[in-house]
Protein backbone atom coordinates (compact mmCIF):
# COMPACT_ATOMS: atom_id res chain seq x y z
CA MET A 1 -50.16 9.01 12.75
CA ALA A 2 -51.95 12.26 13.33
CA THR A 3 -51.70 14.10 9.44
CA ALA A 4 -53.14 17.10 8.03
CA ALA A 5 -53.53 19.49 4.83
CA LEU A 6 -51.39 22.82 5.50
CA ASP A 7 -54.54 24.79 5.92
CA ASP A 8 -55.53 22.70 9.15
CA TYR A 9 -52.92 22.80 10.63
CA TYR A 10 -52.65 24.56 14.24
CA LEU A 11 -50.57 26.90 15.17
CA TYR A 12 -49.52 27.99 18.83
CA LYS A 13 -47.41 30.71 20.06
CA LYS A 14 -45.99 28.80 23.43
CA THR A 15 -45.51 31.95 25.90
CA THR A 16 -45.11 29.72 28.78
CA ASP A 17 -42.59 26.75 29.42
CA PRO A 18 -40.55 28.37 26.20
CA ARG A 19 -38.48 25.32 26.05
CA GLY A 20 -35.26 26.66 25.04
CA LEU A 21 -33.08 24.93 22.90
CA ALA A 22 -32.21 21.52 22.98
CA SER A 23 -29.12 20.47 24.29
CA PHE A 24 -27.14 17.99 21.93
CA ASN A 25 -25.28 15.00 22.97
CA SER A 26 -23.42 14.11 19.47
CA PRO A 27 -24.77 16.03 16.69
CA THR A 28 -23.42 15.73 13.18
CA GLN A 29 -22.54 19.01 10.54
CA LEU A 30 -24.39 19.97 8.08
CA LEU A 31 -23.21 22.97 7.09
CA GLY A 32 -20.41 24.50 8.52
CA ASN A 33 -19.19 28.57 9.42
CA ALA A 34 -19.80 31.37 7.04
CA ALA A 35 -21.62 29.19 4.67
CA ASN A 36 -23.57 30.63 1.81
CA THR A 37 -25.29 27.19 0.12
CA VAL A 38 -27.74 24.26 0.73
CA SER A 39 -26.60 20.70 2.89
CA ALA A 40 -26.86 17.39 1.06
CA LEU A 41 -29.87 14.93 1.25
CA THR A 42 -30.15 13.32 4.97
CA ASN A 43 -32.53 10.78 6.43
CA ILE A 44 -34.86 12.49 8.80
CA GLY A 45 -34.24 8.81 10.71
CA PHE A 46 -37.95 8.55 10.85
CA THR A 47 -41.05 8.65 8.24
CA PHE A 48 -42.63 12.13 9.12
CA ASN A 49 -45.78 13.27 7.57
CA PHE A 50 -46.28 16.34 6.20
CA ASN A 51 -49.29 18.16 4.46
CA ASN A 52 -50.65 14.28 4.09
CA THR A 53 -47.44 13.41 2.49
CA ASP A 54 -44.71 10.75 3.88
CA TYR A 55 -40.60 12.07 3.62
CA THR A 56 -37.70 10.12 5.30
CA GLN A 57 -34.75 13.37 4.36
CA PHE A 58 -34.35 16.15 4.23
CA SER A 59 -31.91 19.43 3.92
CA VAL A 60 -31.28 22.55 5.12
CA SER A 61 -30.22 26.29 3.74
CA SER A 62 -27.77 28.51 4.97
CA GLN A 63 -30.55 31.01 4.61
CA GLY A 64 -32.80 29.58 7.14
CA TYR A 65 -35.23 27.03 6.54
CA VAL A 66 -35.08 23.51 6.04
CA GLU A 67 -36.35 21.54 2.63
CA LEU A 68 -38.42 18.63 3.02
CA GLY A 69 -37.80 15.98 0.62
CA ALA A 70 -35.34 17.32 -1.60
CA ALA A 71 -31.91 19.70 -2.07
CA SER A 72 -33.03 22.15 -4.35
CA ALA A 73 -30.88 25.66 -4.87
CA PHE A 74 -31.55 27.80 -2.44
CA TYR A 75 -33.59 30.67 -2.62
CA TRP A 76 -31.72 34.01 -0.68
CA GLU A 77 -34.97 35.49 0.37
CA PRO A 78 -38.56 34.73 1.00
CA SER A 79 -39.13 36.91 -2.13
CA ASN A 80 -38.95 34.14 -4.02
CA LEU A 81 -42.24 32.51 -2.76
CA THR A 82 -43.61 34.08 -6.03
CA ASP A 83 -41.48 31.34 -8.50
CA GLN A 84 -43.66 28.43 -8.75
CA ASN A 85 -42.36 24.81 -7.29
CA THR A 86 -42.46 22.10 -5.71
CA GLN A 87 -40.31 22.76 -2.96
CA VAL A 88 -41.74 22.23 0.44
CA LEU A 89 -40.05 24.56 3.28
CA LEU A 90 -40.29 24.62 7.16
CA CYS A 91 -38.67 28.62 7.82
CA PRO A 92 -37.96 29.49 11.31
CA TRP A 93 -35.90 32.06 10.32
CA TRP A 94 -35.79 33.01 6.66
CA ASP A 95 -33.51 35.83 4.95
CA ASP A 96 -30.60 36.82 3.47
CA LEU A 97 -28.24 34.52 5.90
CA ARG A 98 -24.81 32.92 6.32
CA THR A 99 -24.37 30.29 9.08
CA SER A 100 -22.18 31.51 12.19
CA THR A 101 -19.32 29.89 14.30
CA ASP A 102 -21.44 26.28 14.76
CA GLY A 103 -23.20 26.82 11.27
CA ILE A 104 -25.96 23.90 10.90
CA ARG A 105 -26.32 20.46 12.53
CA TYR A 106 -28.56 17.78 13.81
CA GLU A 107 -29.61 14.94 16.02
CA LEU A 108 -31.91 12.17 16.58
CA PHE A 109 -33.40 11.69 19.79
CA GLY A 110 -35.44 8.93 21.23
CA THR A 111 -36.80 5.43 20.35
CA SER A 112 -39.22 4.47 18.14
CA PRO A 113 -42.03 5.12 17.76
CA ASN A 114 -41.71 8.36 19.51
CA ARG A 115 -38.43 10.01 18.17
CA TYR A 116 -37.40 13.65 17.15
CA LEU A 117 -35.08 15.14 15.27
CA VAL A 118 -33.39 18.56 16.22
CA ILE A 119 -32.09 20.51 13.55
CA GLU A 120 -29.75 23.99 15.07
CA PHE A 121 -29.62 26.60 12.95
CA HIS A 122 -26.50 29.45 14.24
CA SER A 123 -26.61 32.09 12.05
CA ARG A 124 -25.36 35.72 11.55
CA ALA A 125 -28.39 37.69 12.59
CA TYR A 126 -28.02 39.16 8.14
CA TYR A 127 -25.48 37.72 5.82
CA SER A 128 -23.32 41.12 6.41
CA TYR A 129 -22.62 40.66 10.16
CA VAL A 130 -20.45 38.82 12.29
CA THR A 131 -20.55 39.40 15.69
CA GLU A 132 -24.64 39.49 15.76
CA THR A 133 -25.96 35.98 15.74
CA ILE A 134 -28.98 33.82 16.35
CA ARG A 135 -29.62 30.36 17.17
CA HIS A 136 -32.62 28.29 16.76
CA GLN A 137 -33.84 24.94 16.03
CA VAL A 138 -36.58 23.07 14.06
CA VAL A 139 -37.80 19.81 16.16
CA LEU A 140 -39.68 17.03 13.91
CA PHE A 141 -41.57 14.39 16.00
CA GLU A 142 -42.32 11.00 14.69
CA THR A 143 -45.87 9.89 14.67
CA THR A 144 -47.61 12.97 16.27
CA ASN A 145 -45.76 14.81 13.12
CA LYS A 146 -45.59 17.68 15.29
CA ILE A 147 -43.16 20.45 14.36
CA GLU A 148 -41.40 23.14 16.77
CA PHE A 149 -39.79 26.16 16.30
CA ARG A 150 -37.68 26.88 19.10
CA TYR A 151 -35.44 30.08 19.34
CA GLU A 152 -32.63 30.51 22.23
CA TYR A 153 -33.12 34.14 24.20
CA SER A 154 -31.67 36.97 21.92
CA SER A 155 -28.67 39.09 23.62
CA PRO A 156 -29.88 42.39 22.71
CA PHE A 157 -28.38 43.96 19.35
CA SER A 158 -29.47 46.84 17.32
CA GLY A 159 -27.99 48.53 14.02
CA VAL A 160 -29.06 45.11 12.03
CA SER A 161 -30.24 46.43 8.74
CA GLY A 162 -32.05 42.97 7.73
CA ASN A 163 -35.43 43.47 8.07
CA SER A 164 -37.03 41.05 5.55
CA ALA A 165 -37.17 37.64 7.06
CA VAL A 166 -40.15 35.57 7.19
CA ILE A 167 -41.53 32.63 9.74
CA GLY A 168 -43.66 30.13 8.55
CA CYS A 169 -43.98 26.79 6.37
CA LYS A 170 -44.59 26.40 2.53
CA VAL A 171 -45.89 23.36 0.49
CA ASP A 172 -45.93 22.96 -3.42
CA THR A 173 -46.60 26.00 -5.73
CA THR A 174 -46.67 24.32 -8.75
CA SER A 175 -50.28 25.15 -9.63
CA VAL A 176 -50.76 27.52 -7.40
CA VAL A 177 -48.87 30.44 -5.78
CA ASP A 178 -51.00 32.55 -3.90
CA GLY A 179 -51.94 30.85 -0.02
CA ARG A 180 -49.59 28.00 -0.27
CA PHE A 181 -47.44 29.40 2.29
CA ARG A 182 -48.95 29.77 6.21
CA ASP A 183 -47.46 32.58 7.75
CA PHE A 184 -46.78 32.43 11.42
CA PHE A 185 -46.19 36.41 12.00
CA GLY A 186 -48.26 38.34 9.56
CA THR A 187 -48.48 41.61 8.83
CA SER A 188 -48.68 44.13 11.96
CA GLY A 189 -52.42 44.66 12.22
CA VAL A 190 -53.82 42.62 9.85
CA GLU A 191 -55.82 39.96 11.65
CA GLU A 192 -54.97 36.50 11.46
CA SER A 193 -56.79 35.00 8.72
CA ASN A 194 -56.99 30.94 9.62
CA PRO A 195 -59.33 29.82 12.56
CA ASN A 196 -56.66 27.55 14.07
CA GLY A 197 -53.64 30.39 13.93
CA GLY A 198 -51.80 32.07 11.80
CA TRP A 199 -52.05 33.47 8.43
CA SER A 200 -53.13 31.65 5.21
CA ALA A 201 -54.13 34.28 2.70
CA VAL A 202 -50.87 35.64 1.05
CA GLU A 203 -50.96 39.48 0.21
CA ALA A 204 -49.20 40.00 -3.11
CA GLY A 205 -48.23 36.72 -3.51
CA ILE A 206 -45.86 36.52 -0.69
CA PRO A 207 -46.42 36.24 2.68
CA ASN A 208 -45.04 39.09 5.17
CA HIS A 209 -41.10 39.19 4.82
CA SER A 210 -40.35 42.31 6.76
CA LEU A 211 -39.28 40.95 10.34
CA ASN A 212 -36.26 42.41 11.53
CA CYS A 213 -34.31 40.73 14.57
CA ASN A 214 -32.91 43.95 16.05
CA GLN A 215 -33.76 44.11 19.79
CA GLY A 216 -37.59 45.08 20.23
CA ASN A 217 -39.07 43.94 16.94
CA ASP A 218 -39.74 40.75 15.58
CA TYR A 219 -37.34 37.84 16.80
CA PRO A 220 -38.98 35.31 18.69
CA GLY A 221 -36.03 34.55 21.16
CA ASP A 222 -36.06 38.87 22.02
CA SER A 223 -38.53 38.96 25.36
CA THR A 224 -39.30 42.40 23.73
CA ASN A 225 -40.43 40.88 20.90
CA THR A 226 -43.49 43.33 19.02
CA LEU A 227 -45.63 40.22 18.88
CA LEU A 228 -46.05 39.02 22.33
CA GLY A 229 -43.84 40.87 24.15
CA GLU A 230 -42.14 38.05 25.76
CA GLN A 231 -39.89 35.27 24.67
CA PHE A 232 -42.14 32.21 22.82
CA TYR A 233 -41.50 28.99 20.67
CA PHE A 234 -43.97 27.87 17.84
CA LEU A 235 -46.28 24.86 17.66
CA PHE A 236 -47.29 23.42 14.63
CA SER A 237 -49.42 20.89 15.00
CA PRO A 238 -52.35 18.40 13.10
CA GLU A 239 -53.74 17.69 15.83
CA ALA A 240 -55.28 20.28 18.26
CA GLU A 241 -53.49 20.73 21.71
CA GLY A 242 -55.56 20.23 24.96
CA GLY A 243 -52.77 21.68 26.85
CA GLY A 244 -52.75 24.77 25.12
CA GLY A 245 -49.92 27.61 26.25
CA GLY A 246 -49.58 26.05 29.79
CA VAL A 247 -49.67 27.82 33.10
CA PRO A 248 -51.44 31.05 32.08
CA VAL A 249 -49.17 33.86 31.84
CA PRO A 250 -51.01 37.39 32.44
CA GLY A 251 -51.96 39.31 29.03
CA ASN A 252 -50.24 36.81 26.92
CA ASP A 253 -51.57 33.27 28.09
CA GLN A 254 -52.28 31.55 24.52
CA GLY A 255 -54.03 28.67 24.41
CA SER A 256 -55.57 28.86 27.67
CA LYS A 257 -59.10 27.93 28.09
CA PHE A 258 -62.70 29.67 28.86
CA ASN A 259 -65.91 28.50 29.67
CA VAL A 260 -69.50 30.39 30.41
CA ASN A 261 -71.04 30.48 34.02
CA PRO A 262 -74.59 30.79 32.83
CA GLU A 263 -75.39 31.92 36.42
CA GLY A 264 -72.85 34.67 36.19
CA ALA A 265 -73.12 38.42 36.60
CA SER A 266 -76.48 39.74 36.11
CA ASP A 267 -75.22 42.31 33.23
CA GLY A 268 -73.97 38.59 31.61
CA PRO A 269 -72.11 35.45 31.56
CA LEU A 270 -69.16 34.89 33.33
CA ILE A 271 -66.35 33.63 31.80
CA ASN A 272 -64.44 31.65 34.30
CA ARG A 273 -60.35 30.19 33.56
CA PHE A 274 -60.44 26.07 33.33
CA GLU A 275 -58.04 23.73 31.36
CA ALA A 276 -60.34 20.99 30.19
CA ILE A 277 -61.21 21.88 26.91
CA ASN A 278 -59.04 21.43 24.12
CA SER A 279 -59.00 24.85 22.01
CA ASN A 280 -56.85 26.82 19.83
CA TYR A 281 -56.83 30.95 20.59
CA GLY A 282 -54.59 33.93 19.90
CA LYS A 283 -54.63 37.46 20.74
CA SER A 284 -54.72 40.51 18.28
CA GLY A 285 -54.68 44.14 19.27
CA ASN A 286 -55.11 42.70 22.63
CA ILE A 287 -58.35 41.59 22.02
CA GLU A 288 -59.16 37.41 23.06
CA GLN A 289 -59.55 35.56 19.31
CA ILE A 290 -61.70 32.64 20.44
CA PRO A 291 -62.17 30.78 16.93
CA PHE A 292 -64.38 27.93 18.32
CA THR A 293 -67.69 26.47 20.10
CA LEU A 294 -68.05 25.40 23.76
CA GLN A 295 -68.00 22.05 23.80
CA GLN A 296 -70.39 22.12 26.55
CA PRO A 297 -72.37 25.76 26.35
CA GLY A 298 -74.72 26.76 28.87
CA VAL A 299 -77.56 28.69 28.46
CA PHE A 300 -75.28 30.90 27.06
CA SER A 301 -72.27 30.14 24.30
CA ILE A 302 -69.59 32.60 22.65
CA LYS A 303 -69.52 33.18 18.82
CA ARG A 304 -66.87 34.34 16.89
CA ARG A 305 -68.09 37.78 14.52
CA SER A 306 -64.18 38.80 12.83
CA ILE A 307 -63.10 40.52 16.59
CA ALA A 308 -65.89 40.96 18.06
CA TYR A 309 -68.33 38.38 19.90
CA LYS A 310 -72.16 37.90 19.95
CA ALA A 311 -73.29 35.85 23.27
CA THR A 312 -76.49 33.75 21.59
CA ARG A 313 -78.88 31.40 23.31
CA GLY A 314 -79.45 28.31 21.42
CA ASP A 315 -77.78 24.97 21.65
CA SER A 316 -74.12 23.84 21.22
CA ASN A 317 -74.21 24.56 17.39
CA GLU A 318 -74.19 28.36 17.68
């Protein structure tokens, strides 16, 4: 069974094969329309490990998050992350919300040891809006303990005043508050602080909770979102993914692989794309971020220096 501490998880922003939402066969309702509350504690259907802790139950909040192992009083917006508590939260879109027509429902799929649980949120884009809605899913996988946040393509709308959402995962903050949230989206212009993707250092005690689901803003289901400029979903995994982002997408092919050909151009090594090496990298300001050492370096290897890169001679430890 794959396990890891929160800061050791790998975060992937999948721009290819955007998954879409899982289709339900016979879902169970957790919360109905216009709900503003927390569901009862419900069985996952298998043992799911997160942050090196086993969980067998979950609850959901109309505010857009899943809680593992408990059904605590809900927090209406993410600024409450400054509170010291034991809540363990998976947050695909946490904001001051209400449920919409389909509410929040779930279904267990597959057979042991490869089952997966799909939890779907159908929410108002912000609590006071009725016709503007968003839909997304949290998927928990047995054995691999991977987490996916999937998003339905968002029909264009604008004028929604909510700009306080957050995407990420929270662990126990009883003894330490700062840094116990893995922020998936981050603050514009701030470089990712975790080498495995995302932000681990929490500024001012809370993550970036200013995401806006208006067209052309931050919602991952919106193909014009500000983070990647195309629809995507998140994969949060205790182990590195060999496949990365799949088939490359020009400009935003996060998770594709690179190798250095030492016989390249006369003014430096030639970088060739290939698909064989486990890696995790992202983009910041349209600059490739490659926080790993090449497994098979030739005369040259690439080493990360903040957002710059240094070509160095030497062995595979460089």
